[in-house]
C-alpha atoms as a PDB file:
ATOM      1  CA  MET A   1      99.888  26.700  89.817  1.00  0.00           C
ATOM      2  CA  LYS A   2     101.858  23.531  90.692  1.00  0.00           C
ATOM      3  CA  LYS A   3     101.355  22.233  87.160  1.00  0.00           C
ATOM      4  CA  CYS A   4     102.907  25.397  85.704  1.00  0.00           C
ATOM      5  CA  LYS A   5     105.911  25.147  88.014  1.00  0.00           C
ATOM      6  CA  ASN A   6     106.426  21.493  87.093  1.00  0.00           C
ATOM      7  CA  PHE A   7     106.207  22.401  83.427  1.00  0.00           C
ATOM      8  CA  LYS A   8     108.950  25.012  83.818  1.00  0.00           C
ATOM      9  CA  TRP A   9     111.220  22.521  85.555  1.00  0.00           C
ATOM     10  CA  ILE A  10     110.581  19.931  82.864  1.00  0.00           C
ATOM     11  CA  LEU A  11     111.339  22.546  80.184  1.00  0.00           C
ATOM     12  CA  VAL A  12     114.628  23.556  81.823  1.00  0.00           C
ATOM     13  CA  PHE A  13     115.638  19.889  82.220  1.00  0.00           C
ATOM     14  CA  ASN A  14     114.859  19.193  78.572  1.00  0.00           C
ATOM     15  CA  CYS A  15     116.941  22.190  77.461  1.00  0.00           C
ATOM     16  CA  VAL A  16     119.940  21.085  79.536  1.00  0.00           C
ATOM     17  CA  PHE A  17     119.585  17.508  78.315  1.00  0.00           C
ATOM     18  CA  PHE A  18     119.394  18.708  74.693  1.00  0.00           C
ATOM     19  CA  GLN A  19     122.573  20.828  75.118  1.00  0.00           C
ATOM     20  CA  LEU A  20     124.420  17.816  76.519  1.00  0.00           C
ATOM     21  CA  ILE A  21     123.318  15.730  73.567  1.00  0.00           C
ATOM     22  CA  VAL A  22     124.490  18.432  71.114  1.00  0.00           C
ATOM     23  CA  GLN A  23     127.859  18.824  72.861  1.00  0.00           C
ATOM     24  CA  THR A  24     128.382  15.062  72.864  1.00  0.00           C
ATOM     25  CA  TYR A  25     127.472  14.925  69.171  1.00  0.00           C
ATOM     26  CA  VAL A  26     129.839  17.788  68.242  1.00  0.00           C
ATOM     27  CA  GLN A  27     132.691  16.197  70.176  1.00  0.00           C
ATOM     28  CA  ALA A  28     132.047  12.894  68.437  1.00  0.00           C
ATOM     29  CA  GLN A  29     132.340  14.645  65.053  1.00  0.00           C
ATOM     30  CA  GLU A  30     135.869  15.931  65.636  1.00  0.00           C
ATOM     31  CA  LYS A  31     139.207  14.295  64.937  1.00  0.00           C
ATOM     32  CA  LEU A  32     142.263  15.866  66.593  1.00  0.00           C
ATOM     33  CA  ILE A  33     145.765  15.513  65.196  1.00  0.00           C
ATOM     34  CA  SER A  34     149.160  16.718  66.383  1.00  0.00           C
ATOM     35  CA  LEU A  35     151.960  17.736  64.041  1.00  0.00           C
ATOM     36  CA  GLY A  36     154.877  16.028  65.747  1.00  0.00           C
ATOM     37  CA  ASN A  37     158.394  16.845  64.559  1.00  0.00           C
ATOM     38  CA  SER A  38     159.901  17.597  61.158  1.00  0.00           C
ATOM     39  CA  SER A  39     163.045  15.962  59.825  1.00  0.00           C
ATOM     40  CA  VAL A  40     163.722  18.598  57.150  1.00  0.00           C
ATOM     41  CA  LYS A  41     167.214  20.106  57.120  1.00  0.00           C
ATOM     42  CA  LEU A  42     167.507  23.646  55.755  1.00  0.00           C
ATOM     43  CA  LYS A  43     170.639  24.835  53.968  1.00  0.00           C
ATOM     44  CA  ASN A  44     170.174  28.560  54.546  1.00  0.00           C
ATOM     45  CA  ASN A  45     171.017  30.093  57.916  1.00  0.00           C
ATOM     46  CA  ASN A  46     170.227  33.679  56.946  1.00  0.00           C
ATOM     47  CA  PHE A  47     166.702  33.684  58.392  1.00  0.00           C
ATOM     48  CA  TYR A  48     164.737  32.544  61.394  1.00  0.00           C
ATOM     49  CA  LEU A  49     161.018  32.134  61.970  1.00  0.00           C
ATOM     50  CA  LEU A  50     159.630  35.032  63.971  1.00  0.00           C
ATOM     51  CA  LYS A  51     155.994  33.940  64.000  1.00  0.00           C
ATOM     52  CA  ILE A  52     153.133  32.414  62.040  1.00  0.00           C
ATOM     53  CA  ILE A  53     149.867  34.206  61.387  1.00  0.00           C
ATOM     54  CA  ASP A  54     146.760  32.200  60.526  1.00  0.00           C
ATOM     55  CA  GLU A  55     144.740  34.263  58.024  1.00  0.00           C
ATOM     56  CA  ARG A  56     142.239  31.547  57.069  1.00  0.00           C
ATOM     57  CA  SER A  57     138.565  32.391  57.325  1.00  0.00           C
ATOM     58  CA  ASP A  58     137.918  29.225  59.373  1.00  0.00           C
ATOM     59  CA  LYS A  59     140.674  29.055  61.965  1.00  0.00           C
ATOM     60  CA  LEU A  60     139.067  26.207  63.941  1.00  0.00           C
ATOM     61  CA  ARG A  61     139.366  23.402  61.393  1.00  0.00           C
ATOM     62  CA  VAL A  62     141.676  22.097  58.692  1.00  0.00           C
ATOM     63  CA  GLY A  63     139.210  19.887  56.870  1.00  0.00           C
ATOM     64  CA  LEU A  64     136.192  17.646  56.698  1.00  0.00           C
ATOM     65  CA  VAL A  65     137.091  13.934  56.508  1.00  0.00           C
ATOM     66  CA  TYR A  66     135.446  10.530  57.002  1.00  0.00           C
ATOM     67  CA  ASN A  67     135.723   8.007  59.842  1.00  0.00           C
ATOM     68  CA  GLU A  68     135.334   4.215  59.712  1.00  0.00           C
ATOM     69  CA  GLU A  69     131.551   4.526  59.990  1.00  0.00           C
ATOM     70  CA  LYS A  70     131.577   6.747  56.877  1.00  0.00           C
ATOM     71  CA  ASP A  71     130.476   9.753  58.936  1.00  0.00           C
ATOM     72  CA  ASP A  72     132.042  13.094  58.076  1.00  0.00           C
ATOM     73  CA  VAL A  73     134.059  14.609  60.914  1.00  0.00           C
ATOM     74  CA  TYR A  74     135.923  17.868  61.376  1.00  0.00           C
ATOM     75  CA  LEU A  75     139.697  17.587  61.304  1.00  0.00           C
ATOM     76  CA  ASN A  76     141.325  19.835  63.910  1.00  0.00           C
ATOM     77  CA  VAL A  77     144.893  20.404  65.093  1.00  0.00           C
ATOM     78  CA  VAL A  78     145.722  20.098  68.787  1.00  0.00           C
ATOM     79  CA  ASN A  79     146.294  23.608  70.237  1.00  0.00           C
ATOM     80  CA  GLY A  80     145.182  25.181  66.951  1.00  0.00           C
ATOM     81  CA  VAL A  81     147.044  25.756  63.691  1.00  0.00           C
ATOM     82  CA  THR A  82     148.933  28.873  64.811  1.00  0.00           C
ATOM     83  CA  LYS A  83     150.477  27.434  67.969  1.00  0.00           C
ATOM     84  CA  ALA A  84     151.027  23.956  66.569  1.00  0.00           C
ATOM     85  CA  SER A  85     152.679  25.137  63.360  1.00  0.00           C
ATOM     86  CA  ASN A  86     154.851  27.596  65.277  1.00  0.00           C
ATOM     87  CA  GLU A  87     156.099  24.745  67.470  1.00  0.00           C
ATOM     88  CA  PHE A  88     156.518  22.540  64.410  1.00  0.00           C
ATOM     89  CA  LEU A  89     158.457  25.065  62.311  1.00  0.00           C
ATOM     90  CA  THR A  90     160.523  27.023  64.813  1.00  0.00           C
ATOM     91  CA  LYS A  91     162.791  24.009  65.109  1.00  0.00           C
ATOM     92  CA  PHE A  92     163.990  24.769  61.582  1.00  0.00           C
ATOM     93  CA  THR A  93     165.881  27.938  62.415  1.00  0.00           C
ATOM     94  CA  ARG A  94     167.883  29.661  65.115  1.00  0.00           C
ATOM     95  CA  LYS A  95     167.642  33.340  65.894  1.00  0.00           C
ATOM     96  CA  ASN A  96     170.725  35.486  65.399  1.00  0.00           C
ATOM     97  CA  ALA A  97     171.309  39.214  65.038  1.00  0.00           C
ATOM     98  CA  SER A  98     172.184  39.181  61.332  1.00  0.00           C
ATOM     99  CA  ALA A  99     169.421  36.805  60.185  1.00  0.00           C
ATOM    100  CA  TYR A 100     166.104  37.898  58.692  1.00  0.00           C
ATOM    101  CA  PRO A 101     163.082  37.643  61.041  1.00  0.00           C
ATOM    102  CA  ILE A 102     160.560  35.832  58.853  1.00  0.00           C
ATOM    103  CA  ILE A 103     156.787  35.889  59.245  1.00  0.00           C
ATOM    104  CA  ILE A 104     154.626  33.251  57.572  1.00  0.00           C
ATOM    105  CA  LYS A 105     151.008  34.062  56.794  1.00  0.00           C
ATOM    106  CA  ILE A 106     148.881  30.955  56.270  1.00  0.00           C
ATOM    107  CA  LYS A 107     146.306  31.807  53.619  1.00  0.00           C
ATOM    108  CA  GLU A 108     144.980  28.290  53.190  1.00  0.00           C
ATOM    109  CA  LEU A 109     145.535  24.922  54.893  1.00  0.00           C
ATOM    110  CA  LYS A 110     143.015  22.148  54.475  1.00  0.00           C
ATOM    111  CA  VAL A 111     142.249  18.503  53.791  1.00  0.00           C
ATOM    112  CA  VAL A 112     139.372  17.628  51.462  1.00  0.00           C
ATOM    113  CA  GLU A 113     137.955  14.125  50.937  1.00  0.00           C
ATOM    114  CA  LYS A 114     135.412  12.499  48.634  1.00  0.00           C
ATOM    115  CA  ILE A 115     133.932   9.005  48.900  1.00  0.00           C
ATOM    116  CA  VAL A 116     134.577   6.956  45.749  1.00  0.00           C
ATOM    117  CA  ASN A 117     132.862   3.717  46.763  1.00  0.00           C
ATOM    118  CA  ALA A 118     132.214   1.600  49.861  1.00  0.00           C
ATOM    119  CA  LYS A 119     135.916   1.011  50.381  1.00  0.00           C
ATOM    120  CA  ILE A 120     137.849   3.913  48.849  1.00  0.00           C
ATOM    121  CA  ILE A 121     138.209   7.626  49.584  1.00  0.00           C
ATOM    122  CA  ASN A 122     140.016  10.103  47.345  1.00  0.00           C
ATOM    123  CA  GLY A 123     141.307  13.373  48.721  1.00  0.00           C
ATOM    124  CA  HIS A 124     143.877  16.095  48.705  1.00  0.00           C
ATOM    125  CA  SER A 125     145.604  18.372  51.176  1.00  0.00           C
ATOM    126  CA  GLU A 126     146.724  21.855  50.164  1.00  0.00           C
ATOM    127  CA  ILE A 127     148.510  24.866  51.540  1.00  0.00           C
ATOM    128  CA  LYS A 128     148.994  28.468  50.488  1.00  0.00           C
ATOM    129  CA  VAL A 129     151.387  30.673  52.433  1.00  0.00           C
ATOM    130  CA  ALA A 130     153.014  34.091  52.099  1.00  0.00           C
ATOM    131  CA  PHE A 131     156.469  34.950  53.425  1.00  0.00           C
ATOM    132  CA  GLY A 132     157.653  38.331  54.639  1.00  0.00           C
ATOM    133  CA  PHE A 133     160.183  39.812  57.007  1.00  0.00           C
ATOM    134  CA  MET A 134     160.016  42.564  59.588  1.00  0.00           C
ATOM    135  CA  ARG A 135     162.143  45.558  58.596  1.00  0.00           C
ATOM    136  CA  ASP A 136     162.038  47.562  61.803  1.00  0.00           C
ATOM    137  CA  THR A 137     158.252  47.827  62.273  1.00  0.00           C
ATOM    138  CA  THR A 138     157.261  47.271  58.637  1.00  0.00           C
ATOM    139  CA  LEU A 139     156.301  43.885  57.198  1.00  0.00           C
ATOM    140  CA  ILE A 140     157.979  43.466  53.806  1.00  0.00           C
ATOM    141  CA  ASP A 141     156.296  40.971  51.468  1.00  0.00           C
ATOM    142  CA  LEU A 142     158.825  38.605  49.897  1.00  0.00           C
ATOM    143  CA  THR A 143     157.249  35.636  48.148  1.00  0.00           C
ATOM    144  CA  SER A 144     154.381  33.118  48.297  1.00  0.00           C
ATOM    145  CA  PHE A 145     154.011  29.382  47.868  1.00  0.00           C
ATOM    146  CA  GLN A 146     151.231  26.883  47.347  1.00  0.00           C
ATOM    147  CA  THR A 147     151.137  23.158  46.766  1.00  0.00           C
ATOM    148  CA  LYS A 148     148.772  20.188  46.870  1.00  0.00           C
ATOM    149  CA  ILE A 149     149.155  16.520  47.825  1.00  0.00           C
ATOM    150  CA  THR A 150     146.603  14.030  46.485  1.00  0.00           C
ATOM    151  CA  PHE A 151     145.925  10.670  48.130  1.00  0.00           C
ATOM    152  CA  THR A 152     143.690   7.579  48.123  1.00  0.00           C
ATOM    153  CA  ARG A 153     142.842   5.702  51.305  1.00  0.00           C
ATOM    154  CA  SER A 154     140.458   3.175  52.828  1.00  0.00           C
ATOM    155  CA  PHE A 155     137.933   4.093  55.515  1.00  0.00           C
ATOM    156  CA  ASN A 156     139.925   2.478  58.330  1.00  0.00           C
ATOM    157  CA  ALA A 157     143.208   4.134  57.353  1.00  0.00           C
ATOM    158  CA  ASP A 158     142.765   7.598  58.851  1.00  0.00           C
ATOM    159  CA  ASN A 159     146.104   7.961  60.598  1.00  0.00           C
ATOM    160  CA  HIS A 160     147.934   9.790  57.792  1.00  0.00           C
ATOM    161  CA  PHE A 161     146.558  13.303  58.350  1.00  0.00           C
ATOM    162  CA  GLU A 162     149.423  14.345  60.624  1.00  0.00           C
ATOM    163  CA  TYR A 163     151.860  13.359  57.895  1.00  0.00           C
ATOM    164  CA  LEU A 164     149.903  15.287  55.242  1.00  0.00           C
ATOM    165  CA  ILE A 165     149.767  18.546  57.202  1.00  0.00           C
ATOM    166  CA  GLY A 166     153.375  18.203  58.311  1.00  0.00           C
ATOM    167  CA  ARG A 167     154.492  17.507  54.755  1.00  0.00           C
ATOM    168  CA  LEU A 168     152.762  20.645  53.491  1.00  0.00           C
ATOM    169  CA  LEU A 169     154.594  22.736  56.079  1.00  0.00           C
ATOM    170  CA  ASP A 170     157.860  20.980  55.200  1.00  0.00           C
ATOM    171  CA  LYS A 171     157.438  21.763  51.505  1.00  0.00           C
ATOM    172  CA  SER A 172     156.713  25.401  52.328  1.00  0.00           C
ATOM    173  CA  MET A 173     159.927  25.777  54.305  1.00  0.00           C
ATOM    174  CA  ILE A 174     161.993  23.935  51.699  1.00  0.00           C
ATOM    175  CA  TYR A 175     160.673  26.312  49.045  1.00  0.00           C
ATOM    176  CA  PHE A 176     161.497  29.391  51.105  1.00  0.00           C
ATOM    177  CA  ASP A 177     164.927  28.043  51.964  1.00  0.00           C
ATOM    178  CA  GLN A 178     165.660  27.708  48.241  1.00  0.00           C
ATOM    179  CA  TRP A 179     164.177  31.151  47.534  1.00  0.00           C
ATOM    180  CA  MET A 180     166.452  32.746  50.123  1.00  0.00           C
ATOM    181  CA  THR A 181     169.479  30.960  48.684  1.00  0.00           C
ATOM    182  CA  ILE A 182     168.717  32.406  45.247  1.00  0.00           C
ATOM    183  CA  ASN A 183     167.683  35.902  46.360  1.00  0.00           C
ATOM    184  CA  TYR A 184     170.055  36.619  49.226  1.00  0.00           C
ATOM    185  CA  ASP A 185     172.283  39.565  48.298  1.00  0.00           C
ATOM    186  CA  LYS A 186     170.333  39.981  45.053  1.00  0.00           C
ATOM    187  CA  ASN A 187     166.732  40.968  45.766  1.00  0.00           C
ATOM    188  CA  PRO A 188     166.198  44.624  46.850  1.00  0.00           C
ATOM    189  CA  ALA A 189     163.197  43.523  48.917  1.00  0.00           C
ATOM    190  CA  LEU A 190     165.661  41.917  51.344  1.00  0.00           C
ATOM    191  CA  ALA A 191     167.474  45.172  52.015  1.00  0.00           C
ATOM    192  CA  LYS A 192     167.638  46.224  55.663  1.00  0.00           C
ATOM    193  CA  SER A 193     169.341  49.570  55.106  1.00  0.00           C
ATOM    194  CA  LEU A 194     170.299  51.986  52.349  1.00  0.00           C
ATOM    195  CA  LYS A 195     173.610  53.482  51.258  1.00  0.00           C
ATOM    196  CA  ILE A 196     174.153  56.014  48.456  1.00  0.00           C
ATOM    197  CA  ASN A 197     177.414  56.221  46.569  1.00  0.00           C
ATOM    198  CA  LEU A 198     177.727  59.406  44.541  1.00  0.00           C
ATOM    199  CA  GLN A 199     179.749  58.690  41.430  1.00  0.00           C
ATOM    200  CA  ALA A 200     181.772  61.158  39.389  1.00  0.00           C
ATOM    201  CA  ASP A 201     179.624  62.967  36.836  1.00  0.00           C
ATOM    202  CA  TYR A 202     179.130  61.147  33.583  1.00  0.00           C
ATOM    203  CA  GLY A 203     181.498  62.479  30.914  1.00  0.00           C
ATOM    204  CA  VAL A 204     183.569  64.588  33.281  1.00  0.00           C
ATOM    205  CA  ASP A 205     186.839  63.115  31.955  1.00  0.00           C
ATOM    206  CA  ASN A 206     185.707  62.895  28.322  1.00  0.00           C
ATOM    207  CA  PRO A 207     183.434  65.907  27.938  1.00  0.00           C
ATOM    208  CA  VAL A 208     182.915  65.868  24.157  1.00  0.00           C
ATOM    209  CA  SER A 209     181.112  62.919  22.592  1.00  0.00           C
ATOM    210  CA  GLY A 210     179.586  63.448  19.168  1.00  0.00           C
ATOM    211  CA  ASP A 211     176.669  65.845  19.436  1.00  0.00           C
ATOM    212  CA  THR A 212     176.946  66.004  23.237  1.00  0.00           C
ATOM    213  CA  VAL A 213     179.149  68.163  25.439  1.00  0.00           C
ATOM    214  CA  PHE A 214     179.208  67.174  29.118  1.00  0.00           C
ATOM    215  CA  TRP A 215     179.958  69.789  31.757  1.00  0.00           C
ATOM    216  CA  SER A 216     183.553  69.457  32.874  1.00  0.00           C
ATOM    217  CA  PRO A 217     186.152  71.799  34.340  1.00  0.00           C
ATOM    218  CA  LYS A 218     188.346  70.529  31.511  1.00  0.00           C
ATOM    219  CA  HIS A 219     186.169  72.001  28.798  1.00  0.00           C
ATOM    220  CA  LYS A 220     185.022  75.585  28.373  1.00  0.00           C
ATOM    221  CA  LEU A 221     182.454  76.304  25.685  1.00  0.00           C
ATOM    222  CA  SER A 222     183.551  77.710  22.378  1.00  0.00           C
ATOM    223  CA  TRP A 223     181.455  78.957  19.519  1.00  0.00           C
ATOM    224  CA  GLN A 224     182.323  75.718  17.688  1.00  0.00           C
ATOM    225  CA  ASP A 225     180.035  73.920  20.180  1.00  0.00           C
ATOM    226  CA  PHE A 226     177.048  75.792  18.701  1.00  0.00           C
ATOM    227  CA  GLU A 227     176.152  73.840  15.569  1.00  0.00           C
ATOM    228  CA  GLY A 228     172.389  74.285  15.443  1.00  0.00           C
ATOM    229  CA  LYS A 229     170.381  76.412  13.070  1.00  0.00           C
ATOM    230  CA  LYS A 230     168.773  79.578  14.369  1.00  0.00           C
ATOM    231  CA  PRO A 231     164.931  79.401  14.481  1.00  0.00           C
ATOM    232  CA  GLN A 232     163.304  81.924  12.150  1.00  0.00           C
ATOM    233  CA  ASN A 233     161.164  83.484  14.878  1.00  0.00           C
ATOM    234  CA  SER A 234     164.009  83.973  17.440  1.00  0.00           C
ATOM    235  CA  LYS A 235     165.032  87.534  18.324  1.00  0.00           C
ATOM    236  CA  TYR A 236     168.250  86.485  20.093  1.00  0.00           C
ATOM    237  CA  ALA A 237     171.792  86.280  18.767  1.00  0.00           C
ATOM    238  CA  ALA A 238     172.608  82.939  20.384  1.00  0.00           C
ATOM    239  CA  GLN A 239     171.080  80.218  22.523  1.00  0.00           C
ATOM    240  CA  VAL A 240     172.487  77.204  24.337  1.00  0.00           C
ATOM    241  CA  PHE A 241     170.454  74.049  25.027  1.00  0.00           C
ATOM    242  CA  THR A 242     171.469  72.470  28.345  1.00  0.00           C
ATOM    243  CA  ASN A 243     169.904  69.697  30.368  1.00  0.00           C
ATOM    244  CA  PHE A 244     170.630  67.229  33.169  1.00  0.00           C
ATOM    245  CA  GLU A 245     169.775  63.598  34.004  1.00  0.00           C
ATOM    246  CA  TYR A 246     170.503  60.988  36.646  1.00  0.00           C
ATOM    247  CA  GLY A 247     171.130  57.246  36.628  1.00  0.00           C
ATOM    248  CA  ALA A 248     170.703  54.946  39.623  1.00  0.00           C
ATOM    249  CA  PHE A 249     172.355  51.531  39.665  1.00  0.00           C
ATOM    250  CA  THR A 250     171.438  49.266  42.582  1.00  0.00           C
ATOM    251  CA  ASP A 251     173.162  46.366  44.289  1.00  0.00           C
ATOM    252  CA  ILE A 252     172.629  44.594  47.596  1.00  0.00           C
ATOM    253  CA  LYS A 253     175.305  43.249  49.903  1.00  0.00           C
ATOM    254  CA  ASP A 254     174.874  41.855  53.416  1.00  0.00           C
ATOM    255  CA  GLY A 255     171.373  43.337  53.593  1.00  0.00           C
ATOM    256  CA  VAL A 256     172.486  46.824  52.499  1.00  0.00           C
ATOM    257  CA  LEU A 257     170.941  48.279  49.354  1.00  0.00           C
ATOM    258  CA  ILE A 258     173.709  50.201  47.638  1.00  0.00           C
ATOM    259  CA  ILE A 259     172.721  52.852  45.101  1.00  0.00           C
ATOM    260  CA  ASP A 260     175.434  54.112  42.785  1.00  0.00           C
ATOM    261  CA  LEU A 261     174.038  57.472  41.718  1.00  0.00           C
ATOM    262  CA  GLN A 262     175.486  59.280  38.726  1.00  0.00           C
ATOM    263  CA  LEU A 263     174.406  62.600  37.261  1.00  0.00           C
ATOM    264  CA  LYS A 264     175.270  64.434  34.102  1.00  0.00           C
ATOM    265  CA  ALA A 265     174.923  68.020  32.948  1.00  0.00           C
ATOM    266  CA  TYR A 266     175.171  68.350  29.199  1.00  0.00           C
ATOM    267  CA  LEU A 267     174.331  70.368  26.118  1.00  0.00           C
ATOM    268  CA  LEU A 268     173.449  69.312  22.588  1.00  0.00           C
ATOM    269  CA  LYS A 269     175.429  71.001  19.847  1.00  0.00           C
ATOM    270  CA  SER A 270     172.687  70.504  17.287  1.00  0.00           C
ATOM    271  CA  SER A 271     170.186  72.374  19.489  1.00  0.00           C
ATOM    272  CA  SER A 272     172.568  75.206  20.442  1.00  0.00           C
ATOM    273  CA  TRP A 273     173.051  77.951  17.877  1.00  0.00           C
ATOM    274  CA  THR A 274     174.558  81.374  17.177  1.00  0.00           C
ATOM    275  CA  MET A 275     174.240  83.962  14.421  1.00  0.00           C
ATOM    276  CA  GLY A 276     178.013  84.062  14.058  1.00  0.00           C
ATOM    277  CA  MET A 277     181.204  84.369  16.026  1.00  0.00           C
ATOM    278  CA  LEU A 278     180.105  86.731  18.770  1.00  0.00           C
ATOM    279  CA  THR A 279     182.140  88.300  21.576  1.00  0.00           C
ATOM    280  CA  GLU A 280     183.738  86.473  24.501  1.00  0.00           C
ATOM    281  CA  TYR A 281     181.327  88.342  26.765  1.00  0.00           C
ATOM    282  CA  SER A 282     178.368  86.785  24.915  1.00  0.00           C
ATOM    283  CA  LEU A 283     180.019  83.371  25.106  1.00  0.00           C
ATOM    284  CA  ALA A 284     180.473  83.827  28.875  1.00  0.00           C
ATOM    285  CA  HIS A 285     176.719  84.413  29.160  1.00  0.00           C
ATOM    286  CA  GLU A 286     176.012  81.072  27.471  1.00  0.00           C
ATOM    287  CA  GLN A 287     178.680  79.337  29.556  1.00  0.00           C
ATOM    288  CA  LEU A 288     176.918  80.526  32.710  1.00  0.00           C
ATOM    289  CA  HIS A 289     173.691  78.869  31.533  1.00  0.00           C
ATOM    290  CA  PHE A 290     175.711  75.661  31.390  1.00  0.00           C
ATOM    291  CA  ASP A 291     177.233  76.346  34.824  1.00  0.00           C
ATOM    292  CA  ILE A 292     173.754  76.825  36.307  1.00  0.00           C
ATOM    293  CA  THR A 293     172.880  73.342  35.032  1.00  0.00           C
ATOM    294  CA  LYS A 294     175.944  71.991  36.807  1.00  0.00           C
ATOM    295  CA  ALA A 295     174.961  73.850  39.999  1.00  0.00           C
ATOM    296  CA  ILE A 296     171.564  72.160  39.873  1.00  0.00           C
ATOM    297  CA  ILE A 297     173.024  68.647  39.851  1.00  0.00           C
ATOM    298  CA  GLU A 298     175.275  69.596  42.767  1.00  0.00           C
ATOM    299  CA  ARG A 299     172.184  70.671  44.712  1.00  0.00           C
ATOM    300  CA  PHE A 300     170.553  67.390  43.676  1.00  0.00           C
ATOM    301  CA  LYS A 301     173.475  65.464  45.224  1.00  0.00           C
ATOM    302  CA  LYS A 302     173.188  67.322  48.534  1.00  0.00           C
ATOM    303  CA  LYS A 303     169.447  66.755  48.838  1.00  0.00           C
ATOM    304  CA  VAL A 304     169.361  63.131  47.741  1.00  0.00           C
ATOM    305  CA  THR A 305     171.307  61.830  50.757  1.00  0.00           C
ATOM    306  CA  LYS A 306     168.885  63.494  53.156  1.00  0.00           C
ATOM    307  CA  ILE A 307     165.480  62.415  51.884  1.00  0.00           C
ATOM    308  CA  LEU A 308     165.886  58.870  50.606  1.00  0.00           C
ATOM    309  CA  THR A 309     164.177  56.077  52.546  1.00  0.00           C
ATOM    310  CA  LEU A 310     164.507  52.385  51.880  1.00  0.00           C
ATOM    311  CA  ASP A 311     160.818  51.673  51.410  1.00  0.00           C
ATOM    312  CA  ASN A 312     160.265  54.335  48.752  1.00  0.00           C
ATOM    313  CA  TYR A 313     163.660  55.351  47.391  1.00  0.00           C
ATOM    314  CA  ASP A 314     162.746  55.045  43.700  1.00  0.00           C
ATOM    315  CA  SER A 315     159.700  57.313  43.949  1.00  0.00           C
ATOM    316  CA  GLU A 316     161.634  59.788  46.081  1.00  0.00           C
ATOM    317  CA  LEU A 317     164.384  59.953  43.468  1.00  0.00           C
ATOM    318  CA  GLN A 318     161.854  60.716  40.763  1.00  0.00           C
ATOM    319  CA  LEU A 319     160.109  63.349  42.869  1.00  0.00           C
ATOM    320  CA  LEU A 320     163.431  64.988  43.691  1.00  0.00           C
ATOM    321  CA  PHE A 321     164.325  65.040  40.004  1.00  0.00           C
ATOM    322  CA  ILE A 322     161.030  66.796  39.203  1.00  0.00           C
ATOM    323  CA  GLU A 323     161.638  69.296  42.017  1.00  0.00           C
ATOM    324  CA  MET A 324     165.166  70.028  40.780  1.00  0.00           C
ATOM    325  CA  TYR A 325     163.999  70.330  37.186  1.00  0.00           C
ATOM    326  CA  ARG A 326     161.536  73.018  38.214  1.00  0.00           C
ATOM    327  CA  GLU A 327     164.345  74.778  40.077  1.00  0.00           C
ATOM    328  CA  PHE A 328     166.550  74.432  37.003  1.00  0.00           C
ATOM    329  CA  ASN A 329     163.964  76.151  34.783  1.00  0.00           C
ATOM    330  CA  ARG A 330     163.342  78.828  37.393  1.00  0.00           C
ATOM    331  CA  LEU A 331     167.033  79.703  37.758  1.00  0.00           C
ATOM    332  CA  GLN A 332     167.566  79.859  34.004  1.00  0.00           C
ATOM    333  CA  ARG A 333     164.613  82.240  33.611  1.00  0.00           C
ATOM    334  CA  GLU A 334     165.710  84.435  36.523  1.00  0.00           C
ATOM    335  CA  TYR A 335     169.258  84.596  35.168  1.00  0.00           C
ATOM    336  CA  ASP A 336     168.073  85.738  31.744  1.00  0.00           C
ATOM    337  CA  ALA A 337     165.664  88.239  33.335  1.00  0.00           C
ATOM    338  CA  ASP A 338     168.293  89.768  35.660  1.00  0.00           C
ATOM    339  CA  SER A 339     170.964  89.937  32.968  1.00  0.00           C
ATOM    340  CA  ASN A 340     168.490  90.850  30.209  1.00  0.00           C
ATOM    341  CA  HIS A 341     170.152  88.122  28.123  1.00  0.00           C
ATOM    342  CA  SER A 342     173.636  89.566  28.876  1.00  0.00           C
ATOM    343  CA  ILE A 343     172.714  93.191  28.065  1.00  0.00           C
ATOM    344  CA  ASN A 344     172.517  94.141  31.771  1.00  0.00           C
ATOM    345  CA  PHE A 345     176.159  94.002  32.849  1.00  0.00           C
ATOM    346  CA  VAL A 346     175.393  94.369  36.574  1.00  0.00           C
ATOM    347  CA  GLY A 347     172.890  91.533  36.516  1.00  0.00           C
ATOM    348  CA  GLN A 348     175.317  89.397  34.543  1.00  0.00           C
ATOM    349  CA  GLN A 349     178.085  89.969  37.079  1.00  0.00           C
ATOM    350  CA  LYS A 350     175.766  89.213  40.008  1.00  0.00           C
ATOM    351  CA  TRP A 351     174.915  85.781  38.624  1.00  0.00           C
ATOM    352  CA  GLN A 352     178.513  85.177  37.627  1.00  0.00           C
ATOM    353  CA  SER A 353     179.577  85.685  41.242  1.00  0.00           C
ATOM    354  CA  LEU A 354     176.734  83.581  42.699  1.00  0.00           C
ATOM    355  CA  ILE A 355     177.300  80.527  40.503  1.00  0.00           C
ATOM    356  CA  SER A 356     181.090  80.775  40.604  1.00  0.00           C
ATOM    357  CA  GLU A 357     180.950  80.681  44.403  1.00  0.00           C
ATOM    358  CA  GLU A 358     178.597  77.709  44.344  1.00  0.00           C
ATOM    359  CA  LEU A 359     180.921  75.784  42.016  1.00  0.00           C
ATOM    360  CA  ARG A 360     184.157  76.984  43.580  1.00  0.00           C
ATOM    361  CA  GLU A 361     184.883  73.720  45.418  1.00  0.00           C
ATOM    362  CA  ILE A 362     184.593  71.537  42.331  1.00  0.00           C
ATOM    363  CA  ARG A 363     186.568  73.590  39.837  1.00  0.00           C
END
């Protein structure tokens, strides 16, 4: 029984001794560096560093290098890459209310070495980072950067790693500083807010242009605007072809994305036709088709200022256009059904009153 107890104590002692040996060995295979201070001067004062996020798979080390005894050792940064690089880079910028809060995501940061001969080591250090800024609670991706520095050294010259890592971070900030100088007040990704300017309808002052007639209070349709040829299978005496479109022109100023939005309601003469010079009552029916098209773009203008968001304004514009186009087709069908293509006088007058009231403010 005493032998068994002694064996257990010997086993425990051996385990503890082995752990101490392993810990001593691991510590001996690590080289710690600090980043110090940067001397880089940035030209752009429109951003400040909010934080750095280390997204590397191995966050404990920045490389595997060689010491004077030609043993490979892990290269680590004092306090870790995230804290050390934050302290290193935050000196670049100062926080202010109008500046962009920038986040840097470190995708890659490492030093790699290879022994050439008994005296020489070749190596390189590289970095890959992504820049973004916090718009409210959303991280907006802006740009990315990567670079590499190659070097040759002797085995006893291992004091340059701090410079290498620091230089990579310097180059990253210099790149982003230049990117901001070029893109500030130009790149929509840098927009912090959205403003819509509704422009006057296209063609409102010059409503007739070749084959196109734009809706305008200055121009009422005449039978001369119907130049198309009647289809052989049509049972109607006249038909007008109307449509609408929008154009969005963007600019950015002081972080505000400005959208100049312009719409147009128009008809094509070559697609609009009549069997002959019909009555003014028949012409009024076709004019109301055109007025319905104008009413649709006025509804478009009212809705567009309520639903647009900065992150997805382009898609929302397209979806709104599709929604309004469906409404456009629906109204045109309902108008023809209620008026029986102008034959039903009561139905015609009902729609005349509805659309006239809707367009009253712009006539």
